[in-house]
PDB file of all heavy atoms in Angstrom:
ATOM      1  N   SER A   1     -38.848 103.960-180.328  1.00  0.00           N
ATOM      2  CA  SER A   1     -39.892 103.221-179.632  1.00  0.00           C
ATOM      3  C   SER A   1     -39.986 103.629-178.164  1.00  0.00           C
ATOM      4  O   SER A   1     -41.083 103.691-177.594  1.00  0.00           O
ATOM      5  CB  SER A   1     -39.632 101.713-179.727  1.00  0.00           C
ATOM      6  OG  SER A   1     -38.370 101.382-179.147  1.00  0.00           O
ATOM      7  N   PHE A   2     -38.847 103.945-177.548  1.00  0.00           N
ATOM      8  CA  PHE A   2     -38.848 104.382-176.148  1.00  0.00           C
ATOM      9  C   PHE A   2     -39.528 105.733-176.012  1.00  0.00           C
ATOM     10  O   PHE A   2     -40.298 105.970-175.071  1.00  0.00           O
ATOM     11  CB  PHE A   2     -37.408 104.454-175.629  1.00  0.00           C
ATOM     12  CG  PHE A   2     -37.306 104.726-174.159  1.00  0.00           C
ATOM     13  CD1 PHE A   2     -37.289 103.688-173.245  1.00  0.00           C
ATOM     14  CD2 PHE A   2     -37.244 106.028-173.681  1.00  0.00           C
ATOM     15  CE1 PHE A   2     -37.208 103.934-171.881  1.00  0.00           C
ATOM     16  CE2 PHE A   2     -37.160 106.291-172.321  1.00  0.00           C
ATOM     17  CZ  PHE A   2     -37.148 105.231-171.418  1.00  0.00           C
ATOM     18  N   LYS A   3     -39.242 106.650-176.935  1.00  0.00           N
ATOM     19  CA  LYS A   3     -39.880 107.961-176.908  1.00  0.00           C
ATOM     20  C   LYS A   3     -41.393 107.834-177.038  1.00  0.00           C
ATOM     21  O   LYS A   3     -42.156 108.480-176.309  1.00  0.00           O
ATOM     22  CB  LYS A   3     -39.345 108.837-178.042  1.00  0.00           C
ATOM     23  CG  LYS A   3     -37.861 109.115-178.004  1.00  0.00           C
ATOM     24  CD  LYS A   3     -37.444 109.900-179.242  1.00  0.00           C
ATOM     25  CE  LYS A   3     -35.945 110.071-179.319  1.00  0.00           C
ATOM     26  NZ  LYS A   3     -35.526 110.764-180.564  1.00  0.00           N
ATOM     27  N   LEU A   4     -41.832 107.004-177.963  1.00  0.00           N
ATOM     28  CA  LEU A   4     -43.267 106.849-178.194  1.00  0.00           C
ATOM     29  C   LEU A   4     -43.946 106.146-177.024  1.00  0.00           C
ATOM     30  O   LEU A   4     -45.092 106.456-176.682  1.00  0.00           O
ATOM     31  CB  LEU A   4     -43.498 106.074-179.497  1.00  0.00           C
ATOM     32  CG  LEU A   4     -43.034 106.790-180.764  1.00  0.00           C
ATOM     33  CD1 LEU A   4     -43.222 105.896-181.982  1.00  0.00           C
ATOM     34  CD2 LEU A   4     -43.801 108.101-180.951  1.00  0.00           C
ATOM     35  N   ALA A   5     -43.245 105.197-176.402  1.00  0.00           N
ATOM     36  CA  ALA A   5     -43.804 104.543-175.220  1.00  0.00           C
ATOM     37  C   ALA A   5     -43.965 105.544-174.077  1.00  0.00           C
ATOM     38  O   ALA A   5     -44.953 105.505-173.330  1.00  0.00           O
ATOM     39  CB  ALA A   5     -42.905 103.388-174.786  1.00  0.00           C
ATOM     40  N   ALA A   6     -43.014 106.478-173.954  1.00  0.00           N
ATOM     41  CA  ALA A   6     -43.123 107.518-172.929  1.00  0.00           C
ATOM     42  C   ALA A   6     -44.321 108.419-173.195  1.00  0.00           C
ATOM     43  O   ALA A   6     -45.044 108.817-172.273  1.00  0.00           O
ATOM     44  CB  ALA A   6     -41.835 108.344-172.884  1.00  0.00           C
ATOM     45  N   LEU A   7     -44.559 108.740-174.454  1.00  0.00           N
ATOM     46  CA  LEU A   7     -45.726 109.557-174.799  1.00  0.00           C
ATOM     47  C   LEU A   7     -47.019 108.806-174.510  1.00  0.00           C
ATOM     48  O   LEU A   7     -48.009 109.392-174.052  1.00  0.00           O
ATOM     49  CB  LEU A   7     -45.663 109.952-176.279  1.00  0.00           C
ATOM     50  CG  LEU A   7     -44.559 110.919-176.685  1.00  0.00           C
ATOM     51  CD1 LEU A   7     -44.629 111.216-178.177  1.00  0.00           C
ATOM     52  CD2 LEU A   7     -44.627 112.205-175.886  1.00  0.00           C
ATOM     53  N   THR A   8     -47.029 107.499-174.765  1.00  0.00           N
ATOM     54  CA  THR A   8     -48.219 106.695-174.484  1.00  0.00           C
ATOM     55  C   THR A   8     -48.473 106.612-172.987  1.00  0.00           C
ATOM     56  O   THR A   8     -49.626 106.663-172.531  1.00  0.00           O
ATOM     57  CB  THR A   8     -48.057 105.276-175.063  1.00  0.00           C
ATOM     58  OG1 THR A   8     -47.673 105.363-176.433  1.00  0.00           O
ATOM     59  CG2 THR A   8     -49.362 104.511-174.965  1.00  0.00           C
ATOM     60  N   PHE A   9     -47.423 106.469-172.205  1.00  0.00           N
ATOM     61  CA  PHE A   9     -47.532 106.501-170.749  1.00  0.00           C
ATOM     62  C   PHE A   9     -48.182 107.813-170.307  1.00  0.00           C
ATOM     63  O   PHE A   9     -49.082 107.843-169.458  1.00  0.00           O
ATOM     64  CB  PHE A   9     -46.142 106.349-170.137  1.00  0.00           C
ATOM     65  CG  PHE A   9     -46.103 106.454-168.637  1.00  0.00           C
ATOM     66  CD1 PHE A   9     -46.288 105.329-167.844  1.00  0.00           C
ATOM     67  CD2 PHE A   9     -45.866 107.667-168.017  1.00  0.00           C
ATOM     68  CE1 PHE A   9     -46.244 105.410-166.454  1.00  0.00           C
ATOM     69  CE2 PHE A   9     -45.818 107.769-166.634  1.00  0.00           C
ATOM     70  CZ  PHE A   9     -46.014 106.637-165.853  1.00  0.00           C
ATOM     71  N   THR A  10     -47.747 108.914-170.903  1.00  0.00           N
ATOM     72  CA  THR A  10     -48.314 110.223-170.597  1.00  0.00           C
ATOM     73  C   THR A  10     -49.781 110.281-170.988  1.00  0.00           C
ATOM     74  O   THR A  10     -50.595 110.903-170.296  1.00  0.00           O
ATOM     75  CB  THR A  10     -47.535 111.322-171.334  1.00  0.00           C
ATOM     76  OG1 THR A  10     -46.149 111.220-171.020  1.00  0.00           O
ATOM     77  CG2 THR A  10     -48.040 112.701-170.943  1.00  0.00           C
ATOM     78  N   ALA A  11     -50.127 109.645-172.100  1.00  0.00           N
ATOM     79  CA  ALA A  11     -51.524 109.624-172.527  1.00  0.00           C
ATOM     80  C   ALA A  11     -52.407 108.950-171.483  1.00  0.00           C
ATOM     81  O   ALA A  11     -53.545 109.383-171.238  1.00  0.00           O
ATOM     82  CB  ALA A  11     -51.653 108.900-173.870  1.00  0.00           C
ATOM     83  N   GLY A  12     -51.898 107.884-170.862  1.00  0.00           N
ATOM     84  CA  GLY A  12     -52.656 107.235-169.800  1.00  0.00           C
ATOM     85  C   GLY A  12     -52.870 108.148-168.614  1.00  0.00           C
ATOM     86  O   GLY A  12     -53.963 108.225-168.052  1.00  0.00           O
ATOM     87  N   LEU A  13     -51.815 108.879-168.217  1.00  0.00           N
ATOM     88  CA  LEU A  13     -51.935 109.851-167.142  1.00  0.00           C
ATOM     89  C   LEU A  13     -52.985 110.911-167.470  1.00  0.00           C
ATOM     90  O   LEU A  13     -53.850 111.236-166.658  1.00  0.00           O
ATOM     91  CB  LEU A  13     -50.588 110.529-166.899  1.00  0.00           C
ATOM     92  CG  LEU A  13     -49.475 109.725-166.221  1.00  0.00           C
ATOM     93  CD1 LEU A  13     -48.159 110.481-166.324  1.00  0.00           C
ATOM     94  CD2 LEU A  13     -49.812 109.461-164.766  1.00  0.00           C
ATOM     95  N   LEU A  14     -52.896 111.462-168.675  1.00  0.00           N
ATOM     96  CA  LEU A  14     -53.797 112.541-169.082  1.00  0.00           C
ATOM     97  C   LEU A  14     -55.253 112.094-169.117  1.00  0.00           C
ATOM     98  O   LEU A  14     -56.153 112.824-168.680  1.00  0.00           O
ATOM     99  CB  LEU A  14     -53.395 113.060-170.463  1.00  0.00           C
ATOM    100  CG  LEU A  14     -52.129 113.901-170.544  1.00  0.00           C
ATOM    101  CD1 LEU A  14     -51.800 114.208-172.004  1.00  0.00           C
ATOM    102  CD2 LEU A  14     -52.289 115.190-169.769  1.00  0.00           C
ATOM    103  N   THR A  15     -55.492 110.913-169.648  1.00  0.00           N
ATOM    104  CA  THR A  15     -56.862 110.436-169.783  1.00  0.00           C
ATOM    105  C   THR A  15     -57.528 110.255-168.427  1.00  0.00           C
ATOM    106  O   THR A  15     -58.677 110.684-168.215  1.00  0.00           O
ATOM    107  CB  THR A  15     -56.893 109.110-170.565  1.00  0.00           C
ATOM    108  OG1 THR A  15     -56.289 109.303-171.855  1.00  0.00           O
ATOM    109  CG2 THR A  15     -58.317 108.632-170.755  1.00  0.00           C
ATOM    110  N   VAL A  16     -56.820 109.623-167.508  1.00  0.00           N
ATOM    111  CA  VAL A  16     -57.381 109.436-166.166  1.00  0.00           C
ATOM    112  C   VAL A  16     -57.567 110.785-165.471  1.00  0.00           C
ATOM    113  O   VAL A  16     -58.574 111.019-164.798  1.00  0.00           O
ATOM    114  CB  VAL A  16     -56.486 108.515-165.321  1.00  0.00           C
ATOM    115  CG1 VAL A  16     -57.043 108.379-163.915  1.00  0.00           C
ATOM    116  CG2 VAL A  16     -56.378 107.142-165.971  1.00  0.00           C
ATOM    117  N   ALA A  17     -56.610 111.693-165.642  1.00  0.00           N
ATOM    118  CA  ALA A  17     -56.722 113.017-165.031  1.00  0.00           C
ATOM    119  C   ALA A  17     -57.953 113.751-165.542  1.00  0.00           C
ATOM    120  O   ALA A  17     -58.701 114.369-164.768  1.00  0.00           O
ATOM    121  CB  ALA A  17     -55.469 113.836-165.313  1.00  0.00           C
ATOM    122  N   ALA A  18     -58.195 113.683-166.849  1.00  0.00           N
ATOM    123  CA  ALA A  18     -59.326 114.399-167.435  1.00  0.00           C
ATOM    124  C   ALA A  18     -60.657 113.812-166.987  1.00  0.00           C
ATOM    125  O   ALA A  18     -61.579 114.545-166.608  1.00  0.00           O
ATOM    126  CB  ALA A  18     -59.232 114.371-168.965  1.00  0.00           C
ATOM    127  N   ILE A  19     -60.769 112.483-166.998  1.00  0.00           N
ATOM    128  CA  ILE A  19     -62.051 111.840-166.708  1.00  0.00           C
ATOM    129  C   ILE A  19     -62.323 111.780-165.214  1.00  0.00           C
ATOM    130  O   ILE A  19     -63.419 112.131-164.750  1.00  0.00           O
ATOM    131  CB  ILE A  19     -62.081 110.412-167.303  1.00  0.00           C
ATOM    132  CG1 ILE A  19     -61.887 110.472-168.824  1.00  0.00           C
ATOM    133  CG2 ILE A  19     -63.399 109.729-166.951  1.00  0.00           C
ATOM    134  CD1 ILE A  19     -62.912 111.300-169.554  1.00  0.00           C
ATOM    135  N   GLU A  20     -61.345 111.342-164.438  1.00  0.00           N
ATOM    136  CA  GLU A  20     -61.581 111.100-163.019  1.00  0.00           C
ATOM    137  C   GLU A  20     -61.577 112.360-162.168  1.00  0.00           C
ATOM    138  O   GLU A  20     -62.271 112.414-161.157  1.00  0.00           O
ATOM    139  CB  GLU A  20     -60.519 110.126-162.488  1.00  0.00           C
ATOM    140  CG  GLU A  20     -60.704 108.710-162.985  1.00  0.00           C
ATOM    141  CD  GLU A  20     -62.032 108.109-162.559  1.00  0.00           C
ATOM    142  OE1 GLU A  20     -62.422 108.287-161.391  1.00  0.00           O
ATOM    143  OE2 GLU A  20     -62.689 107.485-163.407  1.00  0.00           O
ATOM    144  N   ASP A  21     -60.802 113.373-162.559  1.00  0.00           N
ATOM    145  CA  ASP A  21     -60.698 114.550-161.706  1.00  0.00           C
ATOM    146  C   ASP A  21     -61.313 115.798-162.326  1.00  0.00           C
ATOM    147  O   ASP A  21     -62.094 116.486-161.674  1.00  0.00           O
ATOM    148  CB  ASP A  21     -59.239 114.799-161.326  1.00  0.00           C
ATOM    149  CG  ASP A  21     -58.774 113.833-160.256  1.00  0.00           C
ATOM    150  OD1 ASP A  21     -59.366 113.837-159.169  1.00  0.00           O
ATOM    151  OD2 ASP A  21     -57.851 113.070-160.504  1.00  0.00           O
ATOM    152  N   MET A  22     -60.976 116.106-163.565  1.00  0.00           N
ATOM    153  CA  MET A  22     -61.525 117.321-164.156  1.00  0.00           C
ATOM    154  C   MET A  22     -63.040 117.230-164.340  1.00  0.00           C
ATOM    155  O   MET A  22     -63.781 118.132-163.946  1.00  0.00           O
ATOM    156  CB  MET A  22     -60.837 117.604-165.495  1.00  0.00           C
ATOM    157  CG  MET A  22     -59.401 118.037-165.354  1.00  0.00           C
ATOM    158  SD  MET A  22     -58.645 118.444-166.929  1.00  0.00           S
ATOM    159  CE  MET A  22     -56.991 118.903-166.371  1.00  0.00           C
ATOM    160  N   ILE A  23     -63.506 116.133-164.920  1.00  0.00           N
ATOM    161  CA  ILE A  23     -64.951 115.986-165.134  1.00  0.00           C
ATOM    162  C   ILE A  23     -65.677 115.791-163.808  1.00  0.00           C
ATOM    163  O   ILE A  23     -66.752 116.376-163.584  1.00  0.00           O
ATOM    164  CB  ILE A  23     -65.241 114.799-166.078  1.00  0.00           C
ATOM    165  CG1 ILE A  23     -64.714 115.099-167.484  1.00  0.00           C
ATOM    166  CG2 ILE A  23     -66.734 114.510-166.126  1.00  0.00           C
ATOM    167  CD1 ILE A  23     -65.374 116.285-168.161  1.00  0.00           C
ATOM    168  N   SER A  24     -65.108 115.014-162.911  1.00  0.00           N
ATOM    169  CA  SER A  24     -65.733 114.813-161.601  1.00  0.00           C
ATOM    170  C   SER A  24     -65.853 116.129-160.839  1.00  0.00           C
ATOM    171  O   SER A  24     -66.895 116.439-160.257  1.00  0.00           O
ATOM    172  CB  SER A  24     -64.927 113.799-160.777  1.00  0.00           C
ATOM    173  OG  SER A  24     -64.939 112.534-161.390  1.00  0.00           O
ATOM    174  N   GLU A  25     -64.787 116.908-160.863  1.00  0.00           N
ATOM    175  CA  GLU A  25     -64.817 118.198-160.179  1.00  0.00           C
ATOM    176  C   GLU A  25     -65.780 119.163-160.860  1.00  0.00           C
ATOM    177  O   GLU A  25     -66.424 119.989-160.201  1.00  0.00           O
ATOM    178  CB  GLU A  25     -63.415 118.800-160.125  1.00  0.00           C
ATOM    179  CG  GLU A  25     -63.308 120.075-159.316  1.00  0.00           C
ATOM    180  CD  GLU A  25     -63.615 119.876-157.843  1.00  0.00           C
ATOM    181  OE1 GLU A  25     -63.501 118.733-157.363  1.00  0.00           O
ATOM    182  OE2 GLU A  25     -63.981 120.863-157.176  1.00  0.00           O
ATOM    183  N   ALA A  26     -65.909 119.061-162.183  1.00  0.00           N
ATOM    184  CA  ALA A  26     -66.871 119.897-162.906  1.00  0.00           C
ATOM    185  C   ALA A  26     -68.288 119.615-162.425  1.00  0.00           C
ATOM    186  O   ALA A  26     -69.095 120.525-162.214  1.00  0.00           O
ATOM    187  CB  ALA A  26     -66.762 119.651-164.413  1.00  0.00           C
ATOM    188  N   HIS A  27     -68.610 118.331-162.228  1.00  0.00           N
ATOM    189  CA  HIS A  27     -69.941 117.955-161.759  1.00  0.00           C
ATOM    190  C   HIS A  27     -70.193 118.432-160.336  1.00  0.00           C
ATOM    191  O   HIS A  27     -71.315 118.802-159.983  1.00  0.00           O
ATOM    192  CB  HIS A  27     -70.105 116.436-161.842  1.00  0.00           C
ATOM    193  CG  HIS A  27     -70.101 115.921-163.240  1.00  0.00           C
ATOM    194  ND1 HIS A  27     -69.882 114.601-163.556  1.00  0.00           N
ATOM    195  CD2 HIS A  27     -70.281 116.554-164.433  1.00  0.00           C
ATOM    196  CE1 HIS A  27     -69.931 114.437-164.865  1.00  0.00           C
ATOM    197  NE2 HIS A  27     -70.162 115.605-165.421  1.00  0.00           N
ATOM    198  N   GLU A  28     -69.132 118.441-159.517  1.00  0.00           N
ATOM    199  CA  GLU A  28     -69.280 118.900-158.142  1.00  0.00           C
ATOM    200  C   GLU A  28     -69.368 120.419-158.053  1.00  0.00           C
ATOM    201  O   GLU A  28     -69.960 120.958-157.116  1.00  0.00           O
ATOM    202  CB  GLU A  28     -68.101 118.402-157.298  1.00  0.00           C
ATOM    203  CG  GLU A  28     -68.054 116.889-157.137  1.00  0.00           C
ATOM    204  CD  GLU A  28     -66.825 116.427-156.371  1.00  0.00           C
ATOM    205  OE1 GLU A  28     -66.089 117.313-155.873  1.00  0.00           O
ATOM    206  OE2 GLU A  28     -66.606 115.211-156.261  1.00  0.00           O
ATOM    207  N   SER A  29     -68.768 121.114-159.016  1.00  0.00           N
ATOM    208  CA  SER A  29     -68.720 122.572-158.963  1.00  0.00           C
ATOM    209  C   SER A  29     -70.050 123.214-159.315  1.00  0.00           C
ATOM    210  O   SER A  29     -70.397 124.265-158.778  1.00  0.00           O
ATOM    211  CB  SER A  29     -67.632 123.099-159.914  1.00  0.00           C
ATOM    212  OG  SER A  29     -66.376 122.581-159.559  1.00  0.00           O
ATOM    213  N   GLY A  30     -70.771 122.613-160.223  1.00  0.00           N
ATOM    214  CA  GLY A  30     -72.045 123.181-160.648  1.00  0.00           C
ATOM    215  C   GLY A  30     -72.842 122.159-161.411  1.00  0.00           C
ATOM    216  O   GLY A  30     -72.293 121.220-162.005  1.00  0.00           O
TER     217      GLY A  30
END
């Protein structure tokens, strides 16, 4: 359960990174 909770924590990091920074920067780039 601890391992899976760590993976879920990572999923939260990844999701915000993809939506807030990668997509936002994509819109600013072109």
